[in-house]
Amino acid sequence: MGNPPPFLKGPLGNGMQRVQVCPDPDKHVIAHVFKVAIDPYVGKLGLLRVHQGTLRPGSQLYVGDARKPVRVAHLWRISG
């Protein structure tokens, strides 16, 4: 699985807690978005690595502590 970055939850400041990540496909999704690109024909593209859970088209994700969901439209596997 490699070395995932530290994932934190809670309010900013002293109340933040580290989240333990385990590669279990049945748990909720924890992913690391490492690049966001905007294509004039496709729209926003987010490159991410899933560290926990299973991601499917149509899934709703919450980025950070934002309460507004982001819907996953298409999934592509990048190689290279």
PDB file of N, CA and C in Angstrom:
ATOM      1  N   MET A   1       0.818  -1.186   0.000  1.00  0.00           N
ATOM      2  CA  MET A   1       0.000   0.000   0.000  1.00  0.00           C
ATOM      3  C   MET A   1       0.856   1.241   0.000  1.00  0.00           C
ATOM      4  N   GLY A   2       2.068   1.179   0.386  1.00  0.00           N
ATOM      5  CA  GLY A   2       2.898   2.369   0.391  1.00  0.00           C
ATOM      6  C   GLY A   2       2.748   3.149   1.676  1.00  0.00           C
ATOM      7  N   ASN A   3       3.193   4.375   1.649  1.00  0.00           N
ATOM      8  CA  ASN A   3       3.098   5.250   2.813  1.00  0.00           C
ATOM      9  C   ASN A   3       2.049   6.319   2.554  1.00  0.00           C
ATOM     10  N   PRO A   4       0.828   6.146   3.053  1.00  0.00           N
ATOM     11  CA  PRO A   4      -0.174   7.182   2.834  1.00  0.00           C
ATOM     12  C   PRO A   4       0.159   8.430   3.645  1.00  0.00           C
ATOM     13  N   PRO A   5      -0.247   9.595   3.143  1.00  0.00           N
ATOM     14  CA  PRO A   5      -0.033  10.815   3.913  1.00  0.00           C
ATOM     15  C   PRO A   5      -0.905  10.778   5.164  1.00  0.00           C
ATOM     16  N   PRO A   6      -0.593  11.590   6.176  1.00  0.00           N
ATOM     17  CA  PRO A   6      -1.440  11.598   7.375  1.00  0.00           C
ATOM     18  C   PRO A   6      -2.803  12.209   7.057  1.00  0.00           C
ATOM     19  N   PHE A   7      -3.852  11.488   7.387  1.00  0.00           N
ATOM     20  CA  PHE A   7      -5.220  11.976   7.213  1.00  0.00           C
ATOM     21  C   PHE A   7      -5.723  12.431   8.574  1.00  0.00           C
ATOM     22  N   LEU A   8      -6.266  13.644   8.628  1.00  0.00           N
ATOM     23  CA  LEU A   8      -6.730  14.236   9.876  1.00  0.00           C
ATOM     24  C   LEU A   8      -8.206  14.560   9.790  1.00  0.00           C
ATOM     25  N   LYS A   9      -8.914  14.512  10.921  1.00  0.00           N
ATOM     26  CA  LYS A   9     -10.317  14.913  10.963  1.00  0.00           C
ATOM     27  C   LYS A   9     -10.541  15.778  12.186  1.00  0.00           C
ATOM     28  N   GLY A  10     -11.600  16.553  12.145  1.00  0.00           N
ATOM     29  CA  GLY A  10     -11.937  17.417  13.263  1.00  0.00           C
ATOM     30  C   GLY A  10     -11.702  18.875  12.928  1.00  0.00           C
ATOM     31  N   PRO A  11     -12.009  19.761  13.865  1.00  0.00           N
ATOM     32  CA  PRO A  11     -11.831  21.194  13.624  1.00  0.00           C
ATOM     33  C   PRO A  11     -10.351  21.561  13.545  1.00  0.00           C
ATOM     34  N   LEU A  12     -10.052  22.612  12.790  1.00  0.00           N
ATOM     35  CA  LEU A  12      -8.671  23.066  12.655  1.00  0.00           C
ATOM     36  C   LEU A  12      -8.110  23.490  14.007  1.00  0.00           C
ATOM     37  N   GLY A  13      -6.857  23.180  14.208  1.00  0.00           N
ATOM     38  CA  GLY A  13      -6.211  23.567  15.464  1.00  0.00           C
ATOM     39  C   GLY A  13      -5.901  22.356  16.313  1.00  0.00           C
ATOM     40  N   ASN A  14      -6.122  22.504  17.609  1.00  0.00           N
ATOM     41  CA  ASN A  14      -5.760  21.443  18.557  1.00  0.00           C
ATOM     42  C   ASN A  14      -6.715  20.260  18.560  1.00  0.00           C
ATOM     43  N   GLY A  15      -7.910  20.418  17.989  1.00  0.00           N
ATOM     44  CA  GLY A  15      -8.906  19.345  18.031  1.00  0.00           C
ATOM     45  C   GLY A  15      -8.768  18.304  16.936  1.00  0.00           C
ATOM     46  N   MET A  16      -7.752  18.425  16.093  1.00  0.00           N
ATOM     47  CA  MET A  16      -7.605  17.493  14.981  1.00  0.00           C
ATOM     48  C   MET A  16      -7.072  16.152  15.466  1.00  0.00           C
ATOM     49  N   GLN A  17      -7.624  15.077  14.896  1.00  0.00           N
ATOM     50  CA  GLN A  17      -7.203  13.726  15.251  1.00  0.00           C
ATOM     51  C   GLN A  17      -6.757  12.996  13.997  1.00  0.00           C
ATOM     52  N   ARG A  18      -5.757  12.165  14.122  1.00  0.00           N
ATOM     53  CA  ARG A  18      -5.265  11.380  12.989  1.00  0.00           C
ATOM     54  C   ARG A  18      -6.188  10.194  12.745  1.00  0.00           C
ATOM     55  N   VAL A  19      -6.461   9.907  11.487  1.00  0.00           N
ATOM     56  CA  VAL A  19      -7.325   8.792  11.100  1.00  0.00           C
ATOM     57  C   VAL A  19      -6.443   7.620  10.698  1.00  0.00           C
ATOM     58  N   GLN A  20      -6.709   6.464  11.273  1.00  0.00           N
ATOM     59  CA  GLN A  20      -5.958   5.256  10.928  1.00  0.00           C
ATOM     60  C   GLN A  20      -6.507   4.696   9.620  1.00  0.00           C
ATOM     61  N   VAL A  21      -5.649   4.484   8.630  1.00  0.00           N
ATOM     62  CA  VAL A  21      -6.040   3.998   7.316  1.00  0.00           C
ATOM     63  C   VAL A  21      -5.643   2.539   7.184  1.00  0.00           C
ATOM     64  N   CYS A  22      -6.593   1.697   6.760  1.00  0.00           N
ATOM     65  CA  CYS A  22      -6.283   0.298   6.482  1.00  0.00           C
ATOM     66  C   CYS A  22      -6.892  -0.049   5.120  1.00  0.00           C
ATOM     67  N   PRO A  23      -6.213  -0.851   4.314  1.00  0.00           N
ATOM     68  CA  PRO A  23      -6.687  -1.131   2.956  1.00  0.00           C
ATOM     69  C   PRO A  23      -7.852  -2.121   2.931  1.00  0.00           C
ATOM     70  N   ASP A  24      -8.993  -1.714   3.448  1.00  0.00           N
ATOM     71  CA  ASP A  24     -10.182  -2.555   3.508  1.00  0.00           C
ATOM     72  C   ASP A  24     -11.208  -2.018   2.516  1.00  0.00           C
ATOM     73  N   PRO A  25     -11.611  -2.801   1.503  1.00  0.00           N
ATOM     74  CA  PRO A  25     -12.564  -2.296   0.508  1.00  0.00           C
ATOM     75  C   PRO A  25     -13.972  -2.087   1.054  1.00  0.00           C
ATOM     76  N   ASP A  26     -14.292  -2.609   2.237  1.00  0.00           N
ATOM     77  CA  ASP A  26     -15.635  -2.475   2.799  1.00  0.00           C
ATOM     78  C   ASP A  26     -15.807  -1.228   3.665  1.00  0.00           C
ATOM     79  N   LYS A  27     -14.723  -0.533   4.002  1.00  0.00           N
ATOM     80  CA  LYS A  27     -14.819   0.674   4.821  1.00  0.00           C
ATOM     81  C   LYS A  27     -15.114   1.887   3.946  1.00  0.00           C
ATOM     82  N   HIS A  28     -15.348   3.038   4.581  1.00  0.00           N
ATOM     83  CA  HIS A  28     -15.609   4.260   3.825  1.00  0.00           C
ATOM     84  C   HIS A  28     -14.349   4.693   3.067  1.00  0.00           C
ATOM     85  N   VAL A  29     -14.550   5.474   2.025  1.00  0.00           N
ATOM     86  CA  VAL A  29     -13.454   5.845   1.130  1.00  0.00           C
ATOM     87  C   VAL A  29     -12.578   6.915   1.773  1.00  0.00           C
ATOM     88  N   ILE A  30     -11.287   6.674   1.775  1.00  0.00           N
ATOM     89  CA  ILE A  30     -10.283   7.681   2.121  1.00  0.00           C
ATOM     90  C   ILE A  30      -9.310   7.713   0.955  1.00  0.00           C
ATOM     91  N   ALA A  31      -9.199   8.887   0.327  1.00  0.00           N
ATOM     92  CA  ALA A  31      -8.351   9.027  -0.855  1.00  0.00           C
ATOM     93  C   ALA A  31      -7.536  10.301  -0.742  1.00  0.00           C
ATOM     94  N   HIS A  32      -6.437  10.328  -1.463  1.00  0.00           N
ATOM     95  CA  HIS A  32      -5.537  11.480  -1.492  1.00  0.00           C
ATOM     96  C   HIS A  32      -5.586  12.072  -2.900  1.00  0.00           C
ATOM     97  N   VAL A  33      -6.149  13.276  -3.033  1.00  0.00           N
ATOM     98  CA  VAL A  33      -6.184  13.973  -4.317  1.00  0.00           C
ATOM     99  C   VAL A  33      -4.854  14.697  -4.460  1.00  0.00           C
ATOM    100  N   PHE A  34      -4.069  14.295  -5.474  1.00  0.00           N
ATOM    101  CA  PHE A  34      -2.747  14.894  -5.620  1.00  0.00           C
ATOM    102  C   PHE A  34      -2.645  15.856  -6.794  1.00  0.00           C
ATOM    103  N   LYS A  35      -3.675  15.939  -7.626  1.00  0.00           N
ATOM    104  CA  LYS A  35      -3.654  16.903  -8.721  1.00  0.00           C
ATOM    105  C   LYS A  35      -5.075  17.168  -9.189  1.00  0.00           C
ATOM    106  N   VAL A  36      -5.383  18.435  -9.485  1.00  0.00           N
ATOM    107  CA  VAL A  36      -6.664  18.829 -10.052  1.00  0.00           C
ATOM    108  C   VAL A  36      -6.370  19.605 -11.327  1.00  0.00           C
ATOM    109  N   ALA A  37      -6.992  19.195 -12.421  1.00  0.00           N
ATOM    110  CA  ALA A  37      -6.813  19.864 -13.709  1.00  0.00           C
ATOM    111  C   ALA A  37      -8.187  20.253 -14.240  1.00  0.00           C
ATOM    112  N   ILE A  38      -8.236  21.354 -14.978  1.00  0.00           N
ATOM    113  CA  ILE A  38      -9.480  21.808 -15.583  1.00  0.00           C
ATOM    114  C   ILE A  38      -9.314  21.738 -17.093  1.00  0.00           C
ATOM    115  N   ASP A  39     -10.136  20.909 -17.718  1.00  0.00           N
ATOM    116  CA  ASP A  39     -10.103  20.735 -19.160  1.00  0.00           C
ATOM    117  C   ASP A  39     -11.317  21.462 -19.750  1.00  0.00           C
ATOM    118  N   PRO A  40     -11.133  22.247 -20.811  1.00  0.00           N
ATOM    119  CA  PRO A  40     -12.270  23.000 -21.356  1.00  0.00           C
ATOM    120  C   PRO A  40     -13.361  22.110 -21.938  1.00  0.00           C
ATOM    121  N   TYR A  41     -13.044  20.871 -22.329  1.00  0.00           N
ATOM    122  CA  TYR A  41     -14.040  19.990 -22.920  1.00  0.00           C
ATOM    123  C   TYR A  41     -14.611  18.986 -21.927  1.00  0.00           C
ATOM    124  N   VAL A  42     -13.826  18.602 -20.945  1.00  0.00           N
ATOM    125  CA  VAL A  42     -14.246  17.573 -19.987  1.00  0.00           C
ATOM    126  C   VAL A  42     -14.737  18.193 -18.686  1.00  0.00           C
ATOM    127  N   GLY A  43     -14.085  19.244 -18.219  1.00  0.00           N
ATOM    128  CA  GLY A  43     -14.410  19.859 -16.937  1.00  0.00           C
ATOM    129  C   GLY A  43     -13.297  19.620 -15.937  1.00  0.00           C
ATOM    130  N   LYS A  44     -13.651  19.512 -14.669  1.00  0.00           N
ATOM    131  CA  LYS A  44     -12.650  19.292 -13.624  1.00  0.00           C
ATOM    132  C   LYS A  44     -12.250  17.821 -13.579  1.00  0.00           C
ATOM    133  N   LEU A  45     -10.946  17.595 -13.533  1.00  0.00           N
ATOM    134  CA  LEU A  45     -10.405  16.250 -13.402  1.00  0.00           C
ATOM    135  C   LEU A  45      -9.569  16.194 -12.138  1.00  0.00           C
ATOM    136  N   GLY A  46      -9.857  15.262 -11.283  1.00  0.00           N
ATOM    137  CA  GLY A  46      -9.085  15.087 -10.060  1.00  0.00           C
ATOM    138  C   GLY A  46      -8.340  13.770 -10.110  1.00  0.00           C
ATOM    139  N   LEU A  47      -7.027  13.828  -9.947  1.00  0.00           N
ATOM    140  CA  LEU A  47      -6.221  12.622  -9.885  1.00  0.00           C
ATOM    141  C   LEU A  47      -6.046  12.260  -8.423  1.00  0.00           C
ATOM    142  N   LEU A  48      -6.387  11.039  -8.081  1.00  0.00           N
ATOM    143  CA  LEU A  48      -6.352  10.631  -6.684  1.00  0.00           C
ATOM    144  C   LEU A  48      -5.881   9.206  -6.544  1.00  0.00           C
ATOM    145  N   ARG A  49      -5.470   8.892  -5.330  1.00  0.00           N
ATOM    146  CA  ARG A  49      -5.103   7.526  -4.965  1.00  0.00           C
ATOM    147  C   ARG A  49      -6.000   7.106  -3.814  1.00  0.00           C
ATOM    148  N   VAL A  50      -6.697   5.998  -3.991  1.00  0.00           N
ATOM    149  CA  VAL A  50      -7.599   5.482  -2.963  1.00  0.00           C
ATOM    150  C   VAL A  50      -6.787   4.636  -1.999  1.00  0.00           C
ATOM    151  N   HIS A  51      -6.826   4.995  -0.712  1.00  0.00           N
ATOM    152  CA  HIS A  51      -6.092   4.262   0.323  1.00  0.00           C
ATOM    153  C   HIS A  51      -7.001   3.316   1.095  1.00  0.00           C
ATOM    154  N   GLN A  52      -8.311   3.579   1.077  1.00  0.00           N
ATOM    155  CA  GLN A  52      -9.251   2.747   1.834  1.00  0.00           C
ATOM    156  C   GLN A  52     -10.609   2.853   1.162  1.00  0.00           C
ATOM    157  N   GLY A  53     -11.336   1.751   1.113  1.00  0.00           N
ATOM    158  CA  GLY A  53     -12.675   1.762   0.555  1.00  0.00           C
ATOM    159  C   GLY A  53     -12.700   1.436  -0.923  1.00  0.00           C
ATOM    160  N   THR A  54     -13.881   1.563  -1.506  1.00  0.00           N
ATOM    161  CA  THR A  54     -14.101   1.280  -2.915  1.00  0.00           C
ATOM    162  C   THR A  54     -14.803   2.471  -3.547  1.00  0.00           C
ATOM    163  N   LEU A  55     -14.282   2.928  -4.659  1.00  0.00           N
ATOM    164  CA  LEU A  55     -14.826   4.086  -5.365  1.00  0.00           C
ATOM    165  C   LEU A  55     -15.493   3.608  -6.639  1.00  0.00           C
ATOM    166  N   ARG A  56     -16.744   4.047  -6.861  1.00  0.00           N
ATOM    167  CA  ARG A  56     -17.508   3.662  -8.042  1.00  0.00           C
ATOM    168  C   ARG A  56     -18.096   4.908  -8.689  1.00  0.00           C
ATOM    169  N   PRO A  57     -18.373   4.850  -9.995  1.00  0.00           N
ATOM    170  CA  PRO A  57     -19.056   5.992 -10.623  1.00  0.00           C
ATOM    171  C   PRO A  57     -20.412   6.225  -9.961  1.00  0.00           C
ATOM    172  N   GLY A  58     -20.727   7.482  -9.712  1.00  0.00           N
ATOM    173  CA  GLY A  58     -21.970   7.833  -9.035  1.00  0.00           C
ATOM    174  C   GLY A  58     -21.813   7.988  -7.528  1.00  0.00           C
ATOM    175  N   SER A  59     -20.658   7.627  -6.981  1.00  0.00           N
ATOM    176  CA  SER A  59     -20.421   7.781  -5.541  1.00  0.00           C
ATOM    177  C   SER A  59     -20.365   9.263  -5.179  1.00  0.00           C
ATOM    178  N   GLN A  60     -20.720   9.572  -3.956  1.00  0.00           N
ATOM    179  CA  GLN A  60     -20.592  10.933  -3.448  1.00  0.00           C
ATOM    180  C   GLN A  60     -19.479  10.964  -2.418  1.00  0.00           C
ATOM    181  N   LEU A  61     -18.578  11.924  -2.581  1.00  0.00           N
ATOM    182  CA  LEU A  61     -17.451  12.083  -1.672  1.00  0.00           C
ATOM    183  C   LEU A  61     -17.530  13.436  -1.000  1.00  0.00           C
ATOM    184  N   TYR A  62     -16.967  13.523   0.181  1.00  0.00           N
ATOM    185  CA  TYR A  62     -16.854  14.783   0.905  1.00  0.00           C
ATOM    186  C   TYR A  62     -15.371  15.137   0.977  1.00  0.00           C
ATOM    187  N   VAL A  63     -15.028  16.307   0.476  1.00  0.00           N
ATOM    188  CA  VAL A  63     -13.642  16.741   0.442  1.00  0.00           C
ATOM    189  C   VAL A  63     -13.355  17.529   1.705  1.00  0.00           C
ATOM    190  N   GLY A  64     -12.393  17.059   2.503  1.00  0.00           N
ATOM    191  CA  GLY A  64     -12.063  17.720   3.765  1.00  0.00           C
ATOM    192  C   GLY A  64     -13.243  17.671   4.716  1.00  0.00           C
ATOM    193  N   ASP A  65     -13.471  18.776   5.414  1.00  0.00           N
ATOM    194  CA  ASP A  65     -14.609  18.862   6.326  1.00  0.00           C
ATOM    195  C   ASP A  65     -15.803  19.546   5.673  1.00  0.00           C
ATOM    196  N   ALA A  66     -15.742  19.747   4.345  1.00  0.00           N
ATOM    197  CA  ALA A  66     -16.855  20.383   3.644  1.00  0.00           C
ATOM    198  C   ALA A  66     -18.075  19.467   3.683  1.00  0.00           C
ATOM    199  N   ARG A  67     -19.223  20.045   3.847  1.00  0.00           N
ATOM    200  CA  ARG A  67     -20.458  19.258   3.910  1.00  0.00           C
ATOM    201  C   ARG A  67     -21.136  19.147   2.548  1.00  0.00           C
ATOM    202  N   LYS A  68     -20.572  19.807   1.525  1.00  0.00           N
ATOM    203  CA  LYS A  68     -21.126  19.722   0.186  1.00  0.00           C
ATOM    204  C   LYS A  68     -20.513  18.517  -0.520  1.00  0.00           C
ATOM    205  N   PRO A  69     -21.325  17.561  -0.973  1.00  0.00           N
ATOM    206  CA  PRO A  69     -20.758  16.368  -1.608  1.00  0.00           C
ATOM    207  C   PRO A  69     -20.276  16.655  -3.030  1.00  0.00           C
ATOM    208  N   VAL A  70     -19.303  15.880  -3.457  1.00  0.00           N
ATOM    209  CA  VAL A  70     -18.790  15.909  -4.822  1.00  0.00           C
ATOM    210  C   VAL A  70     -19.144  14.567  -5.432  1.00  0.00           C
ATOM    211  N   ARG A  71     -19.835  14.590  -6.571  1.00  0.00           N
ATOM    212  CA  ARG A  71     -20.246  13.340  -7.204  1.00  0.00           C
ATOM    213  C   ARG A  71     -19.184  12.879  -8.198  1.00  0.00           C
ATOM    214  N   VAL A  72     -18.860  11.588  -8.144  1.00  0.00           N
ATOM    215  CA  VAL A  72     -17.890  10.993  -9.064  1.00  0.00           C
ATOM    216  C   VAL A  72     -18.631  10.627 -10.330  1.00  0.00           C
ATOM    217  N   ALA A  73     -18.243  11.238 -11.444  1.00  0.00           N
ATOM    218  CA  ALA A  73     -18.936  10.984 -12.712  1.00  0.00           C
ATOM    219  C   ALA A  73     -18.303   9.817 -13.468  1.00  0.00           C
ATOM    220  N   HIS A  74     -17.024   9.893 -13.712  1.00  0.00           N
ATOM    221  CA  HIS A  74     -16.323   8.853 -14.481  1.00  0.00           C
ATOM    222  C   HIS A  74     -15.041   8.488 -13.741  1.00  0.00           C
ATOM    223  N   LEU A  75     -14.604   7.261 -13.947  1.00  0.00           N
ATOM    224  CA  LEU A  75     -13.336   6.807 -13.371  1.00  0.00           C
ATOM    225  C   LEU A  75     -12.458   6.283 -14.495  1.00  0.00           C
ATOM    226  N   TRP A  76     -11.202   6.722 -14.479  1.00  0.00           N
ATOM    227  CA  TRP A  76     -10.203   6.235 -15.414  1.00  0.00           C
ATOM    228  C   TRP A  76      -9.008   5.771 -14.622  1.00  0.00           C
ATOM    229  N   ARG A  77      -8.386   4.703 -15.057  1.00  0.00           N
ATOM    230  CA  ARG A  77      -7.150   4.231 -14.440  1.00  0.00           C
ATOM    231  C   ARG A  77      -5.983   4.772 -15.249  1.00  0.00           C
ATOM    232  N   ILE A  78      -5.091   5.453 -14.578  1.00  0.00           N
ATOM    233  CA  ILE A  78      -3.938   6.060 -15.230  1.00  0.00           C
ATOM    234  C   ILE A  78      -2.760   5.100 -15.119  1.00  0.00           C
ATOM    235  N   SER A  79      -2.078   4.901 -16.218  1.00  0.00           N
ATOM    236  CA  SER A  79      -0.876   4.068 -16.187  1.00  0.00           C
ATOM    237  C   SER A  79       0.251   4.835 -16.854  1.00  0.00           C
ATOM    238  N   GLY A  80       1.416   4.650 -16.309  1.00  0.00           N
ATOM    239  CA  GLY A  80       2.558   5.334 -16.908  1.00  0.00           C
ATOM    240  C   GLY A  80       3.374   6.067 -15.886  1.00  0.00           C
TER     241      GLY A  80
END
